[in-house]
């Protein structure tokens, strides 16, 4: 017999990871729009290469691991550590637009979770409230298994950014789905890494992505907020 509680948790994760969930990811490109306007990304293959590099060198050692660390801190009821994790992730996000984008998504996620889940209590006073930290905190409160939570976050992060690339280049929806399928083995690698990584592994250096995020502020015309 299927455990109804496990099924309910799975359905909630599917809701959070759905591209229609209004957490604000559809307004953010995190520097992708800069590369598109420069002419560096024009094809499906270009978008796939960008995503592979971004996910492995920027997203994996920052936001993905941040979800896991926040999940662990919440399980230990360590509010001080949660506070420090949020501050440290804020310091990692050098481009102001990318940092603000993560904060807006975090605030929106807290509002939505408070509205749809009576088990969620936002008792921690986060100094910033970054999206990854809020999601990790929520996942531990409602007893979501870590690998499944990381998979949901990976799906959400990837689908929203690929969809934004499809809109901006532009490409067809089939191209977008092909890119997502191609990225799944890499996402599996990233998740496997995050499950065993520790706080000493947290943080990465990707100067080109930081530059693209900063340069986005000066683009002549913009579709996205970052």
C-alpha atoms as a PDB file:
ATOM      1  CA  UNK A   1       0.000   0.000   0.000  1.00  0.00           C
ATOM      2  CA  UNK A   2       1.275   3.466  -0.877  1.00  0.00           C
ATOM      3  CA  UNK A   3       2.085   5.645   2.124  1.00  0.00           C
ATOM      4  CA  UNK A   4      -0.291   8.638   1.746  1.00  0.00           C
ATOM      5  CA  UNK A   5       2.092  10.950   3.606  1.00  0.00           C
ATOM      6  CA  UNK A   6       5.003  10.099   1.301  1.00  0.00           C
ATOM      7  CA  UNK A   7       2.753  10.558  -1.705  1.00  0.00           C
ATOM      8  CA  UNK A   8       1.612  13.943  -0.421  1.00  0.00           C
ATOM      9  CA  UNK A   9       5.213  15.050   0.079  1.00  0.00           C
ATOM     10  CA  UNK A  10       6.072  13.918  -3.439  1.00  0.00           C
ATOM     11  CA  UNK A  11       3.181  15.871  -4.869  1.00  0.00           C
ATOM     12  CA  UNK A  12       4.252  18.974  -2.933  1.00  0.00           C
ATOM     13  CA  UNK A  13       7.772  18.696  -4.338  1.00  0.00           C
ATOM     14  CA  UNK A  14       6.365  18.366  -7.845  1.00  0.00           C
ATOM     15  CA  UNK A  15       4.383  21.531  -7.222  1.00  0.00           C
ATOM     16  CA  UNK A  16       7.485  23.430  -6.072  1.00  0.00           C
ATOM     17  CA  UNK A  17       9.569  22.164  -8.997  1.00  0.00           C
ATOM     18  CA  UNK A  18       6.932  22.911 -11.624  1.00  0.00           C
ATOM     19  CA  UNK A  19       7.817  25.643 -14.101  1.00  0.00           C
ATOM     20  CA  UNK A  20       4.487  27.348 -13.380  1.00  0.00           C
ATOM     21  CA  UNK A  21       5.260  27.747  -9.667  1.00  0.00           C
ATOM     22  CA  UNK A  22       5.488  31.562  -9.307  1.00  0.00           C
ATOM     23  CA  UNK A  23       8.725  31.882  -7.341  1.00  0.00           C
ATOM     24  CA  UNK A  24      10.125  34.396  -9.840  1.00  0.00           C
ATOM     25  CA  UNK A  25      12.653  32.305 -11.752  1.00  0.00           C
ATOM     26  CA  UNK A  26      11.066  33.293 -15.068  1.00  0.00           C
ATOM     27  CA  UNK A  27      12.274  36.881 -14.517  1.00  0.00           C
ATOM     28  CA  UNK A  28      15.944  35.975 -13.962  1.00  0.00           C
ATOM     29  CA  UNK A  29      18.681  34.960 -16.413  1.00  0.00           C
ATOM     30  CA  UNK A  30      21.682  35.272 -14.041  1.00  0.00           C
ATOM     31  CA  UNK A  31      23.896  36.631 -16.822  1.00  0.00           C
ATOM     32  CA  UNK A  32      22.626  34.394 -19.623  1.00  0.00           C
ATOM     33  CA  UNK A  33      21.031  37.358 -21.381  1.00  0.00           C
ATOM     34  CA  UNK A  34      24.403  39.115 -21.555  1.00  0.00           C
ATOM     35  CA  UNK A  35      25.962  36.225 -23.471  1.00  0.00           C
ATOM     36  CA  UNK A  36      22.953  36.039 -25.789  1.00  0.00           C
ATOM     37  CA  UNK A  37      23.131  39.734 -26.639  1.00  0.00           C
ATOM     38  CA  UNK A  38      26.884  39.466 -27.259  1.00  0.00           C
ATOM     39  CA  UNK A  39      26.188  36.775 -29.851  1.00  0.00           C
ATOM     40  CA  UNK A  40      27.915  34.015 -27.869  1.00  0.00           C
ATOM     41  CA  UNK A  41      24.743  31.899 -27.580  1.00  0.00           C
ATOM     42  CA  UNK A  42      22.699  31.405 -30.749  1.00  0.00           C
ATOM     43  CA  UNK A  43      21.886  27.714 -31.004  1.00  0.00           C
ATOM     44  CA  UNK A  44      20.654  24.789 -28.949  1.00  0.00           C
ATOM     45  CA  UNK A  45      24.227  23.543 -28.663  1.00  0.00           C
ATOM     46  CA  UNK A  46      25.390  26.938 -27.387  1.00  0.00           C
ATOM     47  CA  UNK A  47      22.677  26.961 -24.734  1.00  0.00           C
ATOM     48  CA  UNK A  48      23.550  23.418 -23.648  1.00  0.00           C
ATOM     49  CA  UNK A  49      27.238  24.330 -23.269  1.00  0.00           C
ATOM     50  CA  UNK A  50      26.368  27.432 -21.259  1.00  0.00           C
ATOM     51  CA  UNK A  51      24.110  25.431 -18.975  1.00  0.00           C
ATOM     52  CA  UNK A  52      26.702  22.706 -18.443  1.00  0.00           C
ATOM     53  CA  UNK A  53      29.341  25.238 -17.421  1.00  0.00           C
ATOM     54  CA  UNK A  54      26.984  27.330 -15.301  1.00  0.00           C
ATOM     55  CA  UNK A  55      25.537  24.361 -13.441  1.00  0.00           C
ATOM     56  CA  UNK A  56      28.848  22.707 -12.658  1.00  0.00           C
ATOM     57  CA  UNK A  57      31.053  25.693 -11.831  1.00  0.00           C
ATOM     58  CA  UNK A  58      28.574  28.235 -10.429  1.00  0.00           C
ATOM     59  CA  UNK A  59      25.317  26.640  -9.284  1.00  0.00           C
ATOM     60  CA  UNK A  60      26.650  23.298  -7.945  1.00  0.00           C
ATOM     61  CA  UNK A  61      29.171  24.657  -5.407  1.00  0.00           C
ATOM     62  CA  UNK A  62      26.958  27.551  -4.271  1.00  0.00           C
ATOM     63  CA  UNK A  63      23.173  27.220  -4.428  1.00  0.00           C
ATOM     64  CA  UNK A  64      22.870  23.431  -4.677  1.00  0.00           C
ATOM     65  CA  UNK A  65      25.199  22.807  -1.757  1.00  0.00           C
ATOM     66  CA  UNK A  66      23.496  25.677   0.070  1.00  0.00           C
ATOM     67  CA  UNK A  67      20.210  23.746  -0.002  1.00  0.00           C
ATOM     68  CA  UNK A  68      21.904  20.720   1.562  1.00  0.00           C
ATOM     69  CA  UNK A  69      23.685  22.755   4.255  1.00  0.00           C
ATOM     70  CA  UNK A  70      20.482  24.606   5.203  1.00  0.00           C
ATOM     71  CA  UNK A  71      18.631  21.264   5.344  1.00  0.00           C
ATOM     72  CA  UNK A  72      21.266  19.846   7.695  1.00  0.00           C
ATOM     73  CA  UNK A  73      21.304  22.941   9.929  1.00  0.00           C
ATOM     74  CA  UNK A  74      17.523  22.878  10.234  1.00  0.00           C
ATOM     75  CA  UNK A  75      17.524  19.198  11.159  1.00  0.00           C
ATOM     76  CA  UNK A  76      19.920  20.091  13.991  1.00  0.00           C
ATOM     77  CA  UNK A  77      17.733  23.074  14.983  1.00  0.00           C
ATOM     78  CA  UNK A  78      20.823  25.258  14.594  1.00  0.00           C
ATOM     79  CA  UNK A  79      19.333  28.694  13.912  1.00  0.00           C
ATOM     80  CA  UNK A  80      22.686  30.412  14.342  1.00  0.00           C
ATOM     81  CA  UNK A  81      24.222  28.266  11.594  1.00  0.00           C
ATOM     82  CA  UNK A  82      21.257  28.969   9.299  1.00  0.00           C
ATOM     83  CA  UNK A  83      21.837  32.669   9.867  1.00  0.00           C
ATOM     84  CA  UNK A  84      25.537  32.335   9.011  1.00  0.00           C
ATOM     85  CA  UNK A  85      24.864  30.170   5.936  1.00  0.00           C
ATOM     86  CA  UNK A  86      22.515  32.803   4.555  1.00  0.00           C
ATOM     87  CA  UNK A  87      25.109  35.537   5.107  1.00  0.00           C
ATOM     88  CA  UNK A  88      27.843  33.498   3.466  1.00  0.00           C
ATOM     89  CA  UNK A  89      25.759  32.688   0.401  1.00  0.00           C
ATOM     90  CA  UNK A  90      24.981  36.384   0.071  1.00  0.00           C
ATOM     91  CA  UNK A  91      28.718  37.140   0.013  1.00  0.00           C
ATOM     92  CA  UNK A  92      29.261  34.567  -2.752  1.00  0.00           C
ATOM     93  CA  UNK A  93      26.877  36.329  -5.126  1.00  0.00           C
ATOM     94  CA  UNK A  94      29.016  39.185  -6.460  1.00  0.00           C
ATOM     95  CA  UNK A  95      26.786  40.610  -9.243  1.00  0.00           C
ATOM     96  CA  UNK A  96      24.194  42.802  -7.530  1.00  0.00           C
ATOM     97  CA  UNK A  97      21.381  41.779  -9.900  1.00  0.00           C
ATOM     98  CA  UNK A  98      22.014  38.068  -9.406  1.00  0.00           C
ATOM     99  CA  UNK A  99      22.122  38.537  -5.651  1.00  0.00           C
ATOM    100  CA  UNK A 100      18.900  40.532  -5.662  1.00  0.00           C
ATOM    101  CA  UNK A 101      17.280  37.933  -7.918  1.00  0.00           C
ATOM    102  CA  UNK A 102      18.064  35.179  -5.430  1.00  0.00           C
ATOM    103  CA  UNK A 103      16.685  37.315  -2.596  1.00  0.00           C
ATOM    104  CA  UNK A 104      13.462  38.074  -4.447  1.00  0.00           C
ATOM    105  CA  UNK A 105      12.952  34.393  -5.201  1.00  0.00           C
ATOM    106  CA  UNK A 106      13.607  33.542  -1.550  1.00  0.00           C
ATOM    107  CA  UNK A 107      11.124  36.094  -0.276  1.00  0.00           C
ATOM    108  CA  UNK A 108       8.515  34.946  -2.743  1.00  0.00           C
ATOM    109  CA  UNK A 109       9.100  31.296  -1.819  1.00  0.00           C
ATOM    110  CA  UNK A 110       8.576  32.061   1.885  1.00  0.00           C
ATOM    111  CA  UNK A 111       5.327  33.875   1.122  1.00  0.00           C
ATOM    112  CA  UNK A 112       4.022  31.032  -1.022  1.00  0.00           C
ATOM    113  CA  UNK A 113       5.023  28.308   1.427  1.00  0.00           C
ATOM    114  CA  UNK A 114       3.326  30.140   4.282  1.00  0.00           C
ATOM    115  CA  UNK A 115       0.172  30.343   2.159  1.00  0.00           C
ATOM    116  CA  UNK A 116       0.038  26.741   0.944  1.00  0.00           C
ATOM    117  CA  UNK A 117       1.564  24.652   3.759  1.00  0.00           C
ATOM    118  CA  UNK A 118       0.297  24.886   7.338  1.00  0.00           C
ATOM    119  CA  UNK A 119       3.279  22.809   8.517  1.00  0.00           C
ATOM    120  CA  UNK A 120       5.697  25.526   7.443  1.00  0.00           C
ATOM    121  CA  UNK A 121       6.618  28.027  10.104  1.00  0.00           C
ATOM    122  CA  UNK A 122       9.200  30.660   9.217  1.00  0.00           C
ATOM    123  CA  UNK A 123      10.524  31.023  12.763  1.00  0.00           C
ATOM    124  CA  UNK A 124      14.069  31.879  11.667  1.00  0.00           C
ATOM    125  CA  UNK A 125      14.957  35.523  11.126  1.00  0.00           C
ATOM    126  CA  UNK A 126      17.196  35.166   8.095  1.00  0.00           C
ATOM    127  CA  UNK A 127      19.479  38.151   7.453  1.00  0.00           C
ATOM    128  CA  UNK A 128      18.773  37.934   3.718  1.00  0.00           C
ATOM    129  CA  UNK A 129      16.634  34.905   2.870  1.00  0.00           C
ATOM    130  CA  UNK A 130      18.250  33.486  -0.252  1.00  0.00           C
ATOM    131  CA  UNK A 131      16.182  31.069  -2.313  1.00  0.00           C
ATOM    132  CA  UNK A 132      18.435  28.037  -1.749  1.00  0.00           C
ATOM    133  CA  UNK A 133      18.561  28.569   2.015  1.00  0.00           C
ATOM    134  CA  UNK A 134      14.792  28.954   2.310  1.00  0.00           C
ATOM    135  CA  UNK A 135      14.189  25.799   0.290  1.00  0.00           C
ATOM    136  CA  UNK A 136      16.647  23.750   2.348  1.00  0.00           C
ATOM    137  CA  UNK A 137      15.080  25.053   5.554  1.00  0.00           C
ATOM    138  CA  UNK A 138      11.590  24.146   4.347  1.00  0.00           C
ATOM    139  CA  UNK A 139      12.653  20.698   3.180  1.00  0.00           C
ATOM    140  CA  UNK A 140      13.948  19.788   6.627  1.00  0.00           C
ATOM    141  CA  UNK A 141      10.900  21.181   8.447  1.00  0.00           C
ATOM    142  CA  UNK A 142       8.520  18.971   6.467  1.00  0.00           C
ATOM    143  CA  UNK A 143      10.916  15.992   6.561  1.00  0.00           C
ATOM    144  CA  UNK A 144      11.710  15.749   2.870  1.00  0.00           C
ATOM    145  CA  UNK A 145      14.520  13.356   1.984  1.00  0.00           C
ATOM    146  CA  UNK A 146      17.644  15.224   0.964  1.00  0.00           C
ATOM    147  CA  UNK A 147      18.325  13.561  -2.446  1.00  0.00           C
ATOM    148  CA  UNK A 148      14.732  14.125  -3.541  1.00  0.00           C
ATOM    149  CA  UNK A 149      14.822  17.750  -2.356  1.00  0.00           C
ATOM    150  CA  UNK A 150      18.057  18.354  -4.269  1.00  0.00           C
ATOM    151  CA  UNK A 151      16.565  16.738  -7.375  1.00  0.00           C
ATOM    152  CA  UNK A 152      13.526  19.016  -7.171  1.00  0.00           C
ATOM    153  CA  UNK A 153      15.756  22.070  -6.777  1.00  0.00           C
ATOM    154  CA  UNK A 154      17.895  20.933  -9.716  1.00  0.00           C
ATOM    155  CA  UNK A 155      14.835  20.518 -11.907  1.00  0.00           C
ATOM    156  CA  UNK A 156      13.413  23.894 -10.908  1.00  0.00           C
ATOM    157  CA  UNK A 157      16.691  25.763 -11.421  1.00  0.00           C
ATOM    158  CA  UNK A 158      17.422  24.135 -14.766  1.00  0.00           C
ATOM    159  CA  UNK A 159      13.991  24.297 -16.349  1.00  0.00           C
ATOM    160  CA  UNK A 160      13.490  27.960 -15.528  1.00  0.00           C
ATOM    161  CA  UNK A 161      16.877  29.022 -16.922  1.00  0.00           C
ATOM    162  CA  UNK A 162      16.582  26.883 -20.052  1.00  0.00           C
ATOM    163  CA  UNK A 163      13.082  28.253 -20.638  1.00  0.00           C
ATOM    164  CA  UNK A 164      14.441  31.790 -20.369  1.00  0.00           C
ATOM    165  CA  UNK A 165      17.155  30.926 -22.875  1.00  0.00           C
ATOM    166  CA  UNK A 166      14.568  29.513 -25.261  1.00  0.00           C
ATOM    167  CA  UNK A 167      12.623  32.780 -25.022  1.00  0.00           C
ATOM    168  CA  UNK A 168      15.610  35.083 -25.455  1.00  0.00           C
ATOM    169  CA  UNK A 169      17.609  33.410 -28.245  1.00  0.00           C
ATOM    170  CA  UNK A 170      14.908  32.366 -29.411  1.00  0.00           C
ATOM    171  CA  UNK A 171      14.597  28.607 -29.870  1.00  0.00           C
ATOM    172  CA  UNK A 172      11.723  26.157 -30.247  1.00  0.00           C
ATOM    173  CA  UNK A 173      10.201  24.364 -27.282  1.00  0.00           C
ATOM    174  CA  UNK A 174      11.470  21.026 -28.607  1.00  0.00           C
ATOM    175  CA  UNK A 175      15.024  22.425 -28.528  1.00  0.00           C
ATOM    176  CA  UNK A 176      14.513  23.381 -24.901  1.00  0.00           C
ATOM    177  CA  UNK A 177      13.360  19.884 -23.981  1.00  0.00           C
ATOM    178  CA  UNK A 178      16.342  18.386 -25.781  1.00  0.00           C
ATOM    179  CA  UNK A 179      18.690  20.591 -23.751  1.00  0.00           C
ATOM    180  CA  UNK A 180      16.971  19.569 -20.508  1.00  0.00           C
ATOM    181  CA  UNK A 181      17.312  15.894 -21.408  1.00  0.00           C
ATOM    182  CA  UNK A 182      20.981  16.350 -22.241  1.00  0.00           C
ATOM    183  CA  UNK A 183      21.607  18.023 -18.866  1.00  0.00           C
ATOM    184  CA  UNK A 184      20.091  15.281 -16.710  1.00  0.00           C
ATOM    185  CA  UNK A 185      23.264  13.146 -16.388  1.00  0.00           C
ATOM    186  CA  UNK A 186      25.183  16.237 -15.275  1.00  0.00           C
ATOM    187  CA  UNK A 187      22.487  17.100 -12.750  1.00  0.00           C
ATOM    188  CA  UNK A 188      22.767  13.582 -11.361  1.00  0.00           C
ATOM    189  CA  UNK A 189      26.519  14.090 -10.967  1.00  0.00           C
ATOM    190  CA  UNK A 190      25.974  17.415  -9.198  1.00  0.00           C
ATOM    191  CA  UNK A 191      23.412  15.941  -6.810  1.00  0.00           C
ATOM    192  CA  UNK A 192      25.624  12.961  -5.988  1.00  0.00           C
ATOM    193  CA  UNK A 193      28.455  15.375  -5.200  1.00  0.00           C
ATOM    194  CA  UNK A 194      26.288  17.604  -3.018  1.00  0.00           C
ATOM    195  CA  UNK A 195      25.063  14.713  -0.864  1.00  0.00           C
ATOM    196  CA  UNK A 196      28.631  14.041   0.334  1.00  0.00           C
ATOM    197  CA  UNK A 197      30.134  17.555   0.143  1.00  0.00           C
ATOM    198  CA  UNK A 198      30.659  19.607   3.302  1.00  0.00           C
ATOM    199  CA  UNK A 199      30.789  23.271   4.161  1.00  0.00           C
ATOM    200  CA  UNK A 200      34.512  23.296   3.327  1.00  0.00           C
ATOM    201  CA  UNK A 201      33.559  22.540  -0.301  1.00  0.00           C
ATOM    202  CA  UNK A 202      31.165  25.473  -0.447  1.00  0.00           C
ATOM    203  CA  UNK A 203      31.946  28.219  -2.944  1.00  0.00           C
ATOM    204  CA  UNK A 204      33.307  28.460  -6.457  1.00  0.00           C
ATOM    205  CA  UNK A 205      35.020  30.899  -8.778  1.00  0.00           C
ATOM    206  CA  UNK A 206      33.558  31.612 -12.208  1.00  0.00           C
ATOM    207  CA  UNK A 207      34.755  35.093 -13.239  1.00  0.00           C
ATOM    208  CA  UNK A 208      33.095  35.041 -16.670  1.00  0.00           C
ATOM    209  CA  UNK A 209      29.681  34.456 -15.114  1.00  0.00           C
ATOM    210  CA  UNK A 210      30.274  37.180 -12.542  1.00  0.00           C
ATOM    211  CA  UNK A 211      31.261  39.556 -15.351  1.00  0.00           C
ATOM    212  CA  UNK A 212      28.149  38.652 -17.352  1.00  0.00           C
ATOM    213  CA  UNK A 213      25.970  39.292 -14.318  1.00  0.00           C
ATOM    214  CA  UNK A 214      27.543  42.696 -13.744  1.00  0.00           C
ATOM    215  CA  UNK A 215      27.478  43.642 -17.425  1.00  0.00           C
ATOM    216  CA  UNK A 216      23.775  42.872 -17.604  1.00  0.00           C
ATOM    217  CA  UNK A 217      23.047  46.123 -15.773  1.00  0.00           C
ATOM    218  CA  UNK A 218      24.408  48.087 -18.748  1.00  0.00           C
ATOM    219  CA  UNK A 219      22.668  46.272 -21.579  1.00  0.00           C
ATOM    220  CA  UNK A 220      20.743  48.559 -23.920  1.00  0.00           C
ATOM    221  CA  UNK A 221      17.566  46.495 -23.650  1.00  0.00           C
ATOM    222  CA  UNK A 222      16.716  43.669 -21.284  1.00  0.00           C
ATOM    223  CA  UNK A 223      14.060  40.988 -21.034  1.00  0.00           C
ATOM    224  CA  UNK A 224      15.166  39.758 -17.618  1.00  0.00           C
ATOM    225  CA  UNK A 225      15.986  41.376 -14.288  1.00  0.00           C
ATOM    226  CA  UNK A 226      19.431  39.748 -13.989  1.00  0.00           C
END
